[in-house]
């Protein structure tokens, strides 16, 4: 989704942020230099007001991560026949040999993106085949454009009713998020009778009225900031066979990132990759858990960056408030002390030593330190931005509101959206996952409830294997980013379910279990974010609109429905 929504573009190496290092820091250069985001070319020289930037991709939910943002990009992915997109002879996403066009050479590309891109290109072609059978007189252009609408809407549906409820898995939020799509009438009634009311509360947002709430649609810098969830990413991945759960190989993250991912995508069957990610934990979104390899991330051009430091610099650079002020602008109580920010005494003392004043805590640091509500993979503060944008990006898009109708999508297209979800997409193109997905209603969450023996993030099932992590002082102004992680990075305790292990592993009970044995065959919860939506983008999203609403201070009117 990140690559569908936003990009600040390639960093400007002529404008650098310099960060003095602590004595003894082994980083290759002192000071550390982080290029700034490109300046807004539409901003008059010397203009007053908040920082403004330009989004280099479309900020609509239009599938641009598959179809491209420009006509030229779109032409490259199309076959010109029957609306179809290019796949190679093995049904995989073709990767150009031209370095200028090769997506694996763009920082942030990894095998997960290749997997999902391939899956949904296959889905696009399946939609084209269905539309061609239903409407044989349609041209290549008609088939392509209608299939694109259908796939973009299906991506939006999967994100709205599967991935987001899985990562925010409190029963109340699950009900509320699904109501965005189906209304409180619910899926069964909506599927059977269609919209019962013009009210989105009753019948959901799709098919309702377009509503901007007085603000041109945009993706705010607050949204881009809370989406910096790199601790979800693992350092090590166990690749396993979908058929019998045997271990195929163990990969470190660099083997799955950039051009190196070509080998994995070529040599490991796609079904085995999805199975492997489906039975794996993501990392927990907490402090002291930033992925080891992202602290020394080698870009495809050979440049090594500290992504943790870059995340903090980007949030500051874009004018997003520090944690306490951010909460006040959301009309939430700000912590008066480090002890109020986190219930981890050692962490509170360490943060006090680093910052001195709780008001100086960076937004990302506060989000990761904050105690999370039950079932949440991330903080309540981040949730406030997520929940607003979950509705906003649907409300403002005419293709999900007034034009979500048969005359635009076609009757067959709307039926496809209605009848499909992530599980059916996976099974259509990877039938070898049938056993693993048996009984699964939400492929982003899995069939079985998983609990932990403690609510402490460090007590959840750890990722297998030990990581050597440098435990040293952080490297940004005010020493705020921790470059250390514990030997076994904690995994997310918010996992709500799992895929079923393939035989000969004993069948897993569908009742609640306690995950206490790291690496045990029956204790491998589904990785919701890694299957459906993990991202490792290095750049952040941006506003396309200009004026007062491009300021982070729009949070002062956050009470306006739909505004973020």
Protein backbone atom coordinates (compact mmCIF):
# COMPACT_ATOMS: atom_id res chain seq x y z
CA UNK A 1 0.00 0.00 0.00
CA UNK A 2 2.83 2.39 0.80
CA UNK A 3 4.07 2.25 -2.78
CA UNK A 4 0.53 2.87 -3.98
CA UNK A 5 0.08 5.97 -1.85
CA UNK A 6 3.15 8.13 -1.48
CA UNK A 7 6.80 8.89 -2.12
CA UNK A 8 8.87 11.96 -1.35
CA UNK A 9 11.19 10.98 -4.18
CA UNK A 10 14.95 10.50 -4.26
CA UNK A 11 16.77 12.28 -1.45
CA UNK A 12 18.69 15.45 -2.29
CA UNK A 13 22.37 14.66 -1.69
CA UNK A 14 23.29 18.35 -2.03
CA UNK A 15 21.40 19.12 1.18
CA UNK A 16 22.54 17.04 4.16
CA UNK A 17 21.61 16.60 7.80
CA UNK A 18 24.81 16.01 9.77
CA UNK A 19 24.64 14.00 12.99
CA UNK A 20 27.70 14.01 15.30
CA UNK A 21 28.52 10.54 16.59
CA UNK A 22 29.26 9.37 20.09
CA UNK A 23 32.94 8.53 20.84
CA UNK A 24 33.77 5.01 19.74
CA UNK A 25 30.82 4.68 17.35
CA UNK A 26 32.02 2.40 14.52
CA UNK A 27 29.92 4.11 11.84
CA UNK A 28 32.06 4.65 8.74
CA UNK A 29 31.91 8.45 8.79
CA UNK A 30 31.65 11.11 11.46
CA UNK A 31 29.37 12.98 11.32
CA UNK A 32 26.72 10.70 9.87
CA UNK A 33 25.21 12.41 6.82
CA UNK A 34 21.57 11.92 5.82
CA UNK A 35 20.33 13.59 2.61
CA UNK A 36 17.23 15.72 2.96
CA UNK A 37 14.02 15.11 1.08
CA UNK A 38 13.69 17.12 -2.17
CA UNK A 39 12.50 20.70 -1.82
CA UNK A 40 8.98 21.53 -2.99
CA UNK A 41 9.52 23.02 -6.49
CA UNK A 42 6.12 24.75 -6.34
CA UNK A 43 6.97 26.71 -3.19
CA UNK A 44 7.99 30.33 -3.77
CA UNK A 45 11.48 31.23 -2.48
CA UNK A 46 11.36 32.56 1.05
CA UNK A 47 7.71 31.58 1.56
CA UNK A 48 6.62 31.53 5.18
CA UNK A 49 4.61 28.75 6.77
CA UNK A 50 5.04 25.05 7.39
CA UNK A 51 7.14 22.64 5.38
CA UNK A 52 5.59 21.53 2.10
CA UNK A 53 6.63 18.60 -0.07
CA UNK A 54 5.39 16.92 -3.23
CA UNK A 55 4.06 13.39 -3.58
CA UNK A 56 5.72 11.71 -6.57
CA UNK A 57 3.04 9.02 -6.93
CA UNK A 58 -0.74 9.19 -6.93
CA UNK A 59 -2.17 9.40 -3.44
CA UNK A 60 -5.41 7.69 -4.49
CA UNK A 61 -6.04 4.00 -3.88
CA UNK A 62 -5.64 3.20 -7.57
CA UNK A 63 -3.26 0.25 -7.67
CA UNK A 64 -0.42 2.43 -8.98
CA UNK A 65 2.08 0.09 -7.31
CA UNK A 66 1.02 -2.42 -9.98
CA UNK A 67 0.00 -0.20 -12.87
CA UNK A 68 2.43 2.69 -12.51
CA UNK A 69 1.83 6.38 -12.03
CA UNK A 70 2.58 7.64 -15.54
CA UNK A 71 1.25 6.54 -18.97
CA UNK A 72 4.74 5.34 -19.87
CA UNK A 73 4.95 3.13 -16.79
CA UNK A 74 1.51 1.77 -17.56
CA UNK A 75 2.45 0.91 -21.15
CA UNK A 76 5.48 -1.07 -19.95
CA UNK A 77 3.42 -3.42 -17.78
CA UNK A 78 0.64 -4.03 -20.35
CA UNK A 79 0.70 -6.73 -23.03
CA UNK A 80 -1.71 -4.87 -25.31
CA UNK A 81 -3.90 -7.99 -25.56
CA UNK A 82 -7.17 -8.66 -23.75
CA UNK A 83 -6.33 -6.12 -21.03
CA UNK A 84 -3.62 -8.38 -19.61
CA UNK A 85 -0.39 -7.51 -17.78
CA UNK A 86 2.99 -9.09 -18.44
CA UNK A 87 4.07 -12.23 -16.61
CA UNK A 88 7.04 -14.40 -17.51
CA UNK A 89 6.85 -18.04 -18.63
CA UNK A 90 6.74 -19.14 -14.98
CA UNK A 91 3.88 -16.82 -14.11
CA UNK A 92 6.17 -14.45 -12.21
CA UNK A 93 6.56 -10.70 -12.40
CA UNK A 94 9.13 -10.00 -15.14
CA UNK A 95 12.05 -7.92 -13.91
CA UNK A 96 13.77 -5.78 -16.57
CA UNK A 97 17.49 -6.13 -17.17
CA UNK A 98 17.78 -2.37 -17.67
CA UNK A 99 19.00 -1.01 -14.29
CA UNK A 100 17.04 2.19 -14.87
CA UNK A 101 13.77 0.20 -15.01
CA UNK A 102 14.60 -2.60 -12.56
CA UNK A 103 12.42 -2.21 -9.43
CA UNK A 104 14.83 -4.32 -7.37
CA UNK A 105 17.35 -1.46 -7.62
CA UNK A 106 14.96 0.99 -5.99
CA UNK A 107 15.69 1.28 -2.25
CA UNK A 108 12.97 -0.48 -0.29
CA UNK A 109 12.33 -3.32 -2.73
CA UNK A 110 12.38 -6.78 -1.17
CA UNK A 111 10.98 -10.25 -1.86
CA UNK A 112 7.69 -9.44 -0.10
CA UNK A 113 6.95 -6.75 -2.66
CA UNK A 114 7.81 -9.12 -5.49
CA UNK A 115 5.49 -11.77 -4.05
CA UNK A 116 2.51 -9.45 -3.67
CA UNK A 117 3.09 -7.77 -7.03
CA UNK A 118 3.17 -11.15 -8.77
CA UNK A 119 0.05 -12.33 -6.94
CA UNK A 120 -2.03 -9.31 -7.89
CA UNK A 121 -0.79 -9.19 -11.48
CA UNK A 122 -2.07 -12.76 -11.71
CA UNK A 123 -5.32 -11.57 -10.15
CA UNK A 124 -5.61 -8.74 -12.68
CA UNK A 125 -5.26 -11.23 -15.53
CA UNK A 126 -7.85 -13.52 -13.94
CA UNK A 127 -10.27 -10.57 -13.75
CA UNK A 128 -9.57 -9.81 -17.42
CA UNK A 129 -10.40 -13.39 -18.38
CA UNK A 130 -13.69 -13.19 -16.46
CA UNK A 131 -14.63 -9.86 -18.03
CA UNK A 132 -13.69 -11.07 -21.51
CA UNK A 133 -15.97 -14.08 -21.09
CA UNK A 134 -18.81 -11.85 -19.89
CA UNK A 135 -18.28 -9.00 -22.38
CA UNK A 136 -16.63 -10.49 -25.51
CA UNK A 137 -17.00 -7.27 -27.54
CA UNK A 138 -14.83 -5.24 -25.16
CA UNK A 139 -11.51 -3.91 -26.41
CA UNK A 140 -8.12 -4.34 -24.75
CA UNK A 141 -8.48 -0.88 -23.25
CA UNK A 142 -11.94 -1.56 -21.84
CA UNK A 143 -10.82 -4.83 -20.30
CA UNK A 144 -7.68 -3.29 -18.80
CA UNK A 145 -9.39 -0.25 -17.29
CA UNK A 146 -12.25 -2.24 -15.79
CA UNK A 147 -9.90 -4.89 -14.40
CA UNK A 148 -7.77 -2.16 -12.89
CA UNK A 149 -10.80 -0.70 -11.11
CA UNK A 150 -11.75 -4.13 -9.80
CA UNK A 151 -8.26 -5.00 -8.52
CA UNK A 152 -7.77 -1.58 -6.91
CA UNK A 153 -11.10 -1.97 -5.11
CA UNK A 154 -10.24 -5.51 -4.06
CA UNK A 155 -6.93 -4.26 -2.62
CA UNK A 156 -8.84 -1.58 -0.71
CA UNK A 157 -11.33 -4.14 0.58
CA UNK A 158 -8.58 -6.53 1.72
CA UNK A 159 -6.76 -3.72 3.50
CA UNK A 160 -9.96 -2.42 5.12
CA UNK A 161 -11.66 -5.62 6.28
CA UNK A 162 -8.72 -8.01 6.66
CA UNK A 163 -5.27 -6.50 7.22
CA UNK A 164 -6.26 -3.53 9.38
CA UNK A 165 -8.62 -5.51 11.67
CA UNK A 166 -5.88 -8.15 12.02
CA UNK A 167 -3.22 -5.71 13.16
CA UNK A 168 -5.73 -3.83 15.36
CA UNK A 169 -7.48 -6.92 16.61
CA UNK A 170 -9.55 -5.67 19.51
CA UNK A 171 -13.17 -6.87 18.97
CA UNK A 172 -14.54 -3.32 18.99
CA UNK A 173 -12.08 -2.05 16.37
CA UNK A 174 -12.58 -5.13 14.20
CA UNK A 175 -16.32 -4.45 14.12
CA UNK A 176 -15.83 -0.74 13.44
CA UNK A 177 -13.30 -1.26 10.64
CA UNK A 178 -15.42 -3.87 8.89
CA UNK A 179 -18.36 -1.46 9.18
CA UNK A 180 -16.40 0.98 7.00
CA UNK A 181 -16.92 -1.43 4.12
CA UNK A 182 -20.14 -3.29 4.97
CA UNK A 183 -21.87 -0.93 7.42
CA UNK A 184 -23.40 -2.12 10.67
CA UNK A 185 -25.81 -4.14 8.55
CA UNK A 186 -22.89 -6.50 8.13
CA UNK A 187 -21.35 -8.51 5.33
CA UNK A 188 -24.08 -11.12 5.01
CA UNK A 189 -26.88 -8.60 4.57
CA UNK A 190 -24.80 -6.37 2.31
CA UNK A 191 -23.86 -9.32 0.10
CA UNK A 192 -27.48 -10.47 -0.11
CA UNK A 193 -29.40 -7.22 -0.47
CA UNK A 194 -26.84 -4.57 -1.39
CA UNK A 195 -27.10 -1.11 0.12
CA UNK A 196 -30.10 -0.74 2.40
CA UNK A 197 -29.54 2.94 3.16
CA UNK A 198 -27.71 6.03 1.95
CA UNK A 199 -26.13 6.17 5.39
CA UNK A 200 -22.56 4.84 5.48
CA UNK A 201 -23.21 3.84 9.09
CA UNK A 202 -25.86 1.36 7.93
CA UNK A 203 -24.46 0.22 4.58
CA UNK A 204 -20.81 1.22 4.57
CA UNK A 205 -18.82 3.73 2.56
CA UNK A 206 -18.63 1.96 -0.86
CA UNK A 207 -21.52 3.16 -2.99
CA UNK A 208 -22.33 6.12 -0.74
CA UNK A 209 -21.80 9.82 -1.31
CA UNK A 210 -18.36 11.29 -1.93
CA UNK A 211 -17.38 13.38 1.07
CA UNK A 212 -14.25 15.51 1.48
CA UNK A 213 -15.39 17.17 4.72
CA UNK A 214 -14.30 20.54 3.39
CA UNK A 215 -10.67 19.51 2.82
CA UNK A 216 -9.09 18.45 -0.50
CA UNK A 217 -8.03 14.82 -0.22
CA UNK A 218 -4.42 14.31 0.80
CA UNK A 219 -2.24 11.97 2.81
CA UNK A 220 -0.87 13.89 5.74
CA UNK A 221 2.65 13.85 7.12
CA UNK A 222 1.16 12.63 10.40
CA UNK A 223 -0.04 9.57 8.51
CA UNK A 224 3.35 8.98 6.90
CA UNK A 225 5.00 9.31 10.31
CA UNK A 226 2.88 6.75 12.16
CA UNK A 227 3.35 4.35 9.25
CA UNK A 228 7.06 4.10 10.05
CA UNK A 229 6.77 0.61 11.50
CA UNK A 230 10.07 -0.95 10.46
CA UNK A 231 10.30 -3.12 13.63
CA UNK A 232 7.71 -5.35 11.95
CA UNK A 233 10.48 -6.56 9.67
CA UNK A 234 12.39 -9.69 10.63
CA UNK A 235 16.15 -10.09 10.47
CA UNK A 236 15.94 -13.81 9.66
CA UNK A 237 13.41 -15.81 7.64
CA UNK A 238 12.85 -19.57 7.67
CA UNK A 239 11.64 -20.68 4.24
CA UNK A 240 9.51 -23.81 4.44
CA UNK A 241 7.66 -26.07 1.99
CA UNK A 242 3.90 -25.58 1.87
CA UNK A 243 3.29 -29.26 1.22
CA UNK A 244 5.02 -30.82 4.23
CA UNK A 245 6.48 -27.94 6.29
CA UNK A 246 10.06 -29.07 5.77
CA UNK A 247 12.69 -26.37 6.05
CA UNK A 248 14.03 -25.27 2.68
CA UNK A 249 16.57 -22.70 3.78
CA UNK A 250 17.15 -19.91 6.26
CA UNK A 251 17.70 -16.42 4.88
CA UNK A 252 19.00 -13.26 6.44
CA UNK A 253 17.17 -10.12 5.39
CA UNK A 254 19.86 -8.89 2.94
CA UNK A 255 19.29 -12.06 0.88
CA UNK A 256 15.66 -10.98 0.41
CA UNK A 257 16.30 -7.29 -0.31
CA UNK A 258 17.14 -5.42 -3.49
CA UNK A 259 18.68 -7.30 -6.46
CA UNK A 260 19.45 -10.29 -4.19
CA UNK A 261 15.71 -10.99 -4.03
CA UNK A 262 15.80 -12.09 -7.67
CA UNK A 263 17.43 -15.39 -6.66
CA UNK A 264 14.84 -16.14 -3.96
CA UNK A 265 11.91 -15.32 -6.23
CA UNK A 266 13.43 -17.44 -8.99
CA UNK A 267 14.43 -20.48 -6.95
CA UNK A 268 11.74 -20.79 -4.26
CA UNK A 269 8.18 -21.54 -5.43
CA UNK A 270 5.76 -18.70 -4.78
CA UNK A 271 3.44 -20.94 -2.77
CA UNK A 272 6.29 -21.89 -0.44
CA UNK A 273 7.19 -18.22 0.03
CA UNK A 274 3.64 -17.24 0.98
CA UNK A 275 3.39 -20.24 3.28
CA UNK A 276 6.69 -19.35 4.94
CA UNK A 277 5.62 -15.77 5.54
CA UNK A 278 2.17 -16.92 6.63
CA UNK A 279 3.46 -19.05 9.49
CA UNK A 280 6.05 -16.52 10.66
CA UNK A 281 5.81 -13.86 13.35
CA UNK A 282 6.45 -10.22 12.51
CA UNK A 283 8.62 -8.20 14.85
CA UNK A 284 6.97 -6.35 17.71
CA UNK A 285 6.61 -2.58 17.23
CA UNK A 286 8.45 -1.65 20.41
CA UNK A 287 11.66 0.10 21.40
CA UNK A 288 14.95 -1.86 21.41
CA UNK A 289 13.56 -3.95 18.57
CA UNK A 290 14.64 -2.11 15.43
CA UNK A 291 15.82 -4.65 12.83
CA UNK A 292 19.56 -5.18 12.98
CA UNK A 293 19.99 -5.11 9.22
CA UNK A 294 18.02 -1.89 8.81
CA UNK A 295 20.43 -0.14 11.15
CA UNK A 296 23.13 -0.79 8.55
CA UNK A 297 20.94 -1.07 5.46
CA UNK A 298 22.91 -1.34 2.24
CA UNK A 299 21.02 0.22 -0.63
CA UNK A 300 21.29 -1.26 -4.13
CA UNK A 301 23.71 1.56 -5.04
CA UNK A 302 26.06 0.44 -2.25
CA UNK A 303 25.30 3.34 0.10
CA UNK A 304 24.88 2.21 3.71
CA UNK A 305 22.21 4.00 5.76
CA UNK A 306 20.97 3.82 9.32
CA UNK A 307 17.24 3.63 8.69
CA UNK A 308 16.40 4.14 12.37
CA UNK A 309 18.21 7.47 12.41
CA UNK A 310 16.71 8.34 9.02
CA UNK A 311 13.18 7.67 10.29
CA UNK A 312 13.64 10.14 13.14
CA UNK A 313 15.27 12.76 10.93
CA UNK A 314 12.46 12.51 8.36
CA UNK A 315 9.72 13.05 10.95
CA UNK A 316 11.52 16.09 12.37
CA UNK A 317 12.38 17.41 8.90
CA UNK A 318 8.73 17.33 7.83
CA UNK A 319 7.59 19.41 10.79
CA UNK A 320 5.55 16.74 12.58
CA UNK A 321 5.35 17.58 16.32
CA UNK A 322 7.15 15.69 19.06
CA UNK A 323 5.21 12.97 20.87
CA UNK A 324 3.64 15.01 23.70
CA UNK A 325 2.53 17.87 21.45
CA UNK A 326 1.25 15.38 18.89
CA UNK A 327 -1.03 13.85 21.52
CA UNK A 328 -2.29 17.26 22.64
CA UNK A 329 -3.21 18.16 19.07
CA UNK A 330 -5.20 14.92 18.97
CA UNK A 331 -6.98 16.06 22.15
CA UNK A 332 -5.29 13.27 24.10
CA UNK A 333 -3.52 13.60 27.44
CA UNK A 334 0.25 13.97 27.16
CA UNK A 335 2.47 12.12 29.66
CA UNK A 336 3.88 14.36 32.39
CA UNK A 337 6.84 12.06 33.04
CA UNK A 338 8.72 9.18 31.48
CA UNK A 339 7.06 6.85 33.98
CA UNK A 340 3.68 7.86 32.55
CA UNK A 341 4.88 7.26 29.00
CA UNK A 342 5.96 3.65 29.57
CA UNK A 343 5.40 1.08 32.29
CA UNK A 344 8.91 -0.33 31.70
CA UNK A 345 10.96 1.17 34.53
CA UNK A 346 14.35 0.52 32.91
CA UNK A 347 13.17 2.01 29.64
CA UNK A 348 11.77 5.09 31.40
CA UNK A 349 15.15 5.66 33.09
CA UNK A 350 17.03 5.23 29.82
CA UNK A 351 14.72 7.67 28.02
CA UNK A 352 15.08 10.18 30.85
CA UNK A 353 18.85 9.96 30.48
CA UNK A 354 18.63 10.44 26.71
CA UNK A 355 16.07 13.25 26.57
CA UNK A 356 16.04 14.89 29.97
CA UNK A 357 12.55 16.27 29.35
CA UNK A 358 9.58 14.13 28.29
CA UNK A 359 8.43 16.99 26.04
CA UNK A 360 11.47 16.35 23.82
CA UNK A 361 10.64 12.71 23.08
CA UNK A 362 10.43 12.09 19.35
CA UNK A 363 7.10 10.97 17.95
CA UNK A 364 8.34 7.57 16.76
CA UNK A 365 10.11 6.87 20.05
CA UNK A 366 6.97 7.72 22.01
CA UNK A 367 4.79 5.60 19.75
CA UNK A 368 7.06 2.60 20.25
CA UNK A 369 7.32 3.15 24.03
CA UNK A 370 3.62 3.65 24.66
CA UNK A 371 1.68 0.81 26.23
CA UNK A 372 -0.61 -0.68 23.59
CA UNK A 373 -4.31 -1.50 23.97
CA UNK A 374 -5.28 -5.17 24.05
CA UNK A 375 -5.00 -6.74 20.62
CA UNK A 376 -3.15 -3.79 19.07
CA UNK A 377 0.15 -4.27 17.27
CA UNK A 378 0.84 -0.53 17.58
CA UNK A 379 0.02 2.33 19.90
CA UNK A 380 -3.31 4.00 20.61
CA UNK A 381 -1.82 7.31 19.43
CA UNK A 382 -0.97 5.86 16.02
CA UNK A 383 -4.42 4.26 15.92
CA UNK A 384 -6.10 7.70 16.04
CA UNK A 385 -4.44 8.64 12.75
CA UNK A 386 -5.02 5.22 11.19
CA UNK A 387 -8.73 5.16 11.98
CA UNK A 388 -9.30 8.59 10.44
CA UNK A 389 -7.45 7.72 7.24
CA UNK A 390 -9.17 4.34 7.02
CA UNK A 391 -12.40 6.21 6.30
CA UNK A 392 -10.94 9.31 4.67
CA UNK A 393 -9.26 7.55 1.74
CA UNK A 394 -12.55 5.79 0.91
CA UNK A 395 -14.87 8.75 1.53
CA UNK A 396 -12.98 11.08 -0.81
CA UNK A 397 -12.55 8.69 -3.74
CA UNK A 398 -15.43 8.75 -6.22
CA UNK A 399 -14.56 5.24 -7.38
CA UNK A 400 -15.38 3.94 -3.90
CA UNK A 401 -18.41 6.17 -3.40
CA UNK A 402 -20.72 7.60 -6.06
CA UNK A 403 -19.07 5.64 -8.90
CA UNK A 404 -18.92 2.32 -7.06
CA UNK A 405 -21.73 1.02 -9.26
CA UNK A 406 -22.36 -1.41 -12.15
CA UNK A 407 -22.26 1.31 -14.81
CA UNK A 408 -18.62 2.02 -13.93
CA UNK A 409 -17.25 -1.32 -12.71
CA UNK A 410 -19.65 -3.58 -14.67
CA UNK A 411 -21.96 -6.06 -12.93
CA UNK A 412 -19.35 -8.81 -13.24
CA UNK A 413 -16.69 -6.52 -11.78
CA UNK A 414 -18.74 -5.66 -8.69
CA UNK A 415 -19.57 -9.34 -8.21
CA UNK A 416 -15.85 -10.16 -8.27
CA UNK A 417 -15.14 -7.57 -5.58
CA UNK A 418 -18.06 -8.80 -3.48
CA UNK A 419 -17.11 -12.47 -3.68
CA UNK A 420 -13.36 -12.28 -3.11
CA UNK A 421 -10.85 -11.59 -0.36
CA UNK A 422 -7.18 -12.36 0.34
CA UNK A 423 -7.92 -16.02 0.98
CA UNK A 424 -9.69 -16.57 -2.34
CA UNK A 425 -6.97 -14.67 -4.19
CA UNK A 426 -4.29 -16.88 -2.64
CA UNK A 427 -6.20 -20.10 -3.35
CA UNK A 428 -7.00 -19.14 -6.94
CA UNK A 429 -3.35 -18.65 -7.84
CA UNK A 430 -1.65 -20.88 -5.26
CA UNK A 431 -3.93 -23.88 -4.68
CA UNK A 432 -1.09 -25.63 -2.85
CA UNK A 433 -1.98 -23.38 0.13
CA UNK A 434 -5.39 -25.05 0.56
CA UNK A 435 -4.33 -27.10 3.60
CA UNK A 436 -2.64 -24.15 5.27
CA UNK A 437 -5.69 -21.94 4.75
CA UNK A 438 -8.27 -24.53 5.79
CA UNK A 439 -10.78 -22.88 8.09
CA UNK A 440 -9.21 -19.44 7.70
CA UNK A 441 -11.72 -16.61 7.34
CA UNK A 442 -9.14 -13.84 7.36
CA UNK A 443 -5.88 -14.70 5.60
CA UNK A 444 -4.24 -11.78 7.39
CA UNK A 445 -5.11 -13.20 10.81
CA UNK A 446 -5.51 -16.98 10.62
CA UNK A 447 -7.87 -19.43 12.32
CA UNK A 448 -6.46 -19.81 15.86
CA UNK A 449 -6.28 -17.41 18.76
CA UNK A 450 -2.75 -17.04 20.09
CA UNK A 451 -2.03 -15.75 23.58
CA UNK A 452 1.21 -15.14 25.41
CA UNK A 453 2.16 -15.94 28.95
CA UNK A 454 2.60 -12.26 29.76
CA UNK A 455 1.52 -8.91 28.36
CA UNK A 456 5.17 -7.82 28.23
CA UNK A 457 6.33 -7.54 24.60
CA UNK A 458 9.55 -9.39 25.40
CA UNK A 459 7.64 -12.45 26.60
CA UNK A 460 6.05 -13.15 23.25
CA UNK A 461 7.45 -15.85 21.01
CA UNK A 462 10.88 -14.70 19.82
CA UNK A 463 12.15 -14.96 16.32
CA UNK A 464 14.32 -18.05 16.04
CA UNK A 465 18.02 -17.42 16.28
CA UNK A 466 20.16 -14.88 18.02
CA UNK A 467 21.15 -11.55 16.54
CA UNK A 468 24.37 -9.79 17.43
CA UNK A 469 23.30 -6.22 17.99
CA UNK A 470 25.43 -3.28 18.88
CA UNK A 471 24.23 -1.86 22.20
CA UNK A 472 25.57 1.65 22.02
CA UNK A 473 24.32 5.22 22.39
CA UNK A 474 21.95 6.47 19.71
CA UNK A 475 22.98 8.68 16.86
CA UNK A 476 20.69 11.63 16.44
CA UNK A 477 20.44 14.98 18.12
CA UNK A 478 19.54 14.45 21.79
CA UNK A 479 20.63 10.79 21.49
CA UNK A 480 17.14 9.56 20.80
CA UNK A 481 17.32 6.56 18.51
CA UNK A 482 18.40 3.29 20.03
CA UNK A 483 20.58 1.22 17.75
CA UNK A 484 20.47 -1.73 20.09
CA UNK A 485 18.20 -4.71 20.12
CA UNK A 486 18.13 -7.70 22.39
CA UNK A 487 19.61 -11.00 21.35
CA UNK A 488 16.27 -12.45 20.26
CA UNK A 489 14.07 -9.70 18.89
CA UNK A 490 10.58 -9.91 20.41
CA UNK A 491 7.74 -10.68 18.07
CA UNK A 492 4.37 -9.06 18.02
CA UNK A 493 2.03 -10.25 20.79
CA UNK A 494 -0.90 -8.85 18.82
CA UNK A 495 -1.02 -11.84 16.49
CA UNK A 496 -4.58 -13.11 16.50
CA UNK A 497 -4.31 -16.32 14.54
CA UNK A 498 -2.30 -18.68 12.44
CA UNK A 499 -2.30 -20.56 9.25
CA UNK A 500 -2.53 -24.32 9.66
CA UNK A 501 0.79 -26.18 9.59
CA UNK A 502 1.17 -28.63 6.74
CA UNK A 503 1.45 -32.35 7.49
CA UNK A 504 3.23 -34.24 8.90
CA UNK A 505 3.06 -31.63 11.67
CA UNK A 506 0.16 -32.53 14.02
CA UNK A 507 -3.04 -30.59 13.31
CA UNK A 508 -3.35 -27.46 15.41
CA UNK A 509 -6.38 -27.11 17.62
CA UNK A 510 -8.58 -24.16 16.67
CA UNK A 511 -9.04 -23.26 20.31
CA UNK A 512 -6.90 -20.70 22.08
CA UNK A 513 -3.37 -21.84 22.78
CA UNK A 514 -0.45 -20.42 24.67
CA UNK A 515 2.62 -19.87 22.55
CA UNK A 516 5.45 -20.79 24.87
CA UNK A 517 7.88 -22.89 22.84
CA UNK A 518 9.93 -20.83 20.37
CA UNK A 519 10.32 -22.72 17.13
CA UNK A 520 7.83 -25.46 18.00
CA UNK A 521 5.88 -26.61 14.97
CA UNK A 522 2.48 -25.84 16.44
CA UNK A 523 3.49 -22.40 17.71
CA UNK A 524 4.06 -20.37 14.57
CA UNK A 525 1.37 -17.67 14.44
CA UNK A 526 0.47 -16.06 11.17
CA UNK A 527 2.33 -12.92 10.31
CA UNK A 528 -0.50 -10.63 9.34
CA UNK A 529 1.61 -7.70 8.19
CA UNK A 530 4.21 -9.83 6.42
CA UNK A 531 1.60 -11.73 4.40
CA UNK A 532 -0.66 -8.90 3.50
CA UNK A 533 1.22 -5.69 3.77
CA UNK A 534 4.71 -5.47 5.22
CA UNK A 535 6.64 -2.58 3.68
CA UNK A 536 10.24 -1.54 3.86
CA UNK A 537 10.15 1.73 1.99
CA UNK A 538 12.98 4.14 2.81
CA UNK A 539 11.12 7.26 1.72
CA UNK A 540 8.02 8.75 3.27
CA UNK A 541 4.72 9.87 1.76
CA UNK A 542 3.59 13.36 1.15
CA UNK A 543 0.89 15.94 0.47
CA UNK A 544 -0.16 16.87 -3.04
CA UNK A 545 -2.42 19.69 -1.90
CA UNK A 546 -1.02 23.09 -0.95
CA UNK A 547 -1.94 25.77 1.53
CA UNK A 548 -2.87 25.58 5.16
CA UNK A 549 -3.89 21.95 5.03
CA UNK A 550 -0.37 20.84 4.14
CA UNK A 551 0.72 21.68 7.65
CA UNK A 552 1.08 19.23 10.49
CA UNK A 553 -0.97 21.76 12.43
CA UNK A 554 -4.08 20.43 10.72
CA UNK A 555 -4.15 18.22 13.78
CA UNK A 556 -5.60 21.15 15.70
CA UNK A 557 -8.87 20.49 13.89
CA UNK A 558 -8.60 16.73 14.04
CA UNK A 559 -12.13 16.51 15.38
CA UNK A 560 -13.49 17.25 11.92
CA UNK A 561 -14.79 13.91 10.58
CA UNK A 562 -12.43 12.36 8.06
CA UNK A 563 -9.64 14.89 8.50
CA UNK A 564 -6.20 13.61 9.40
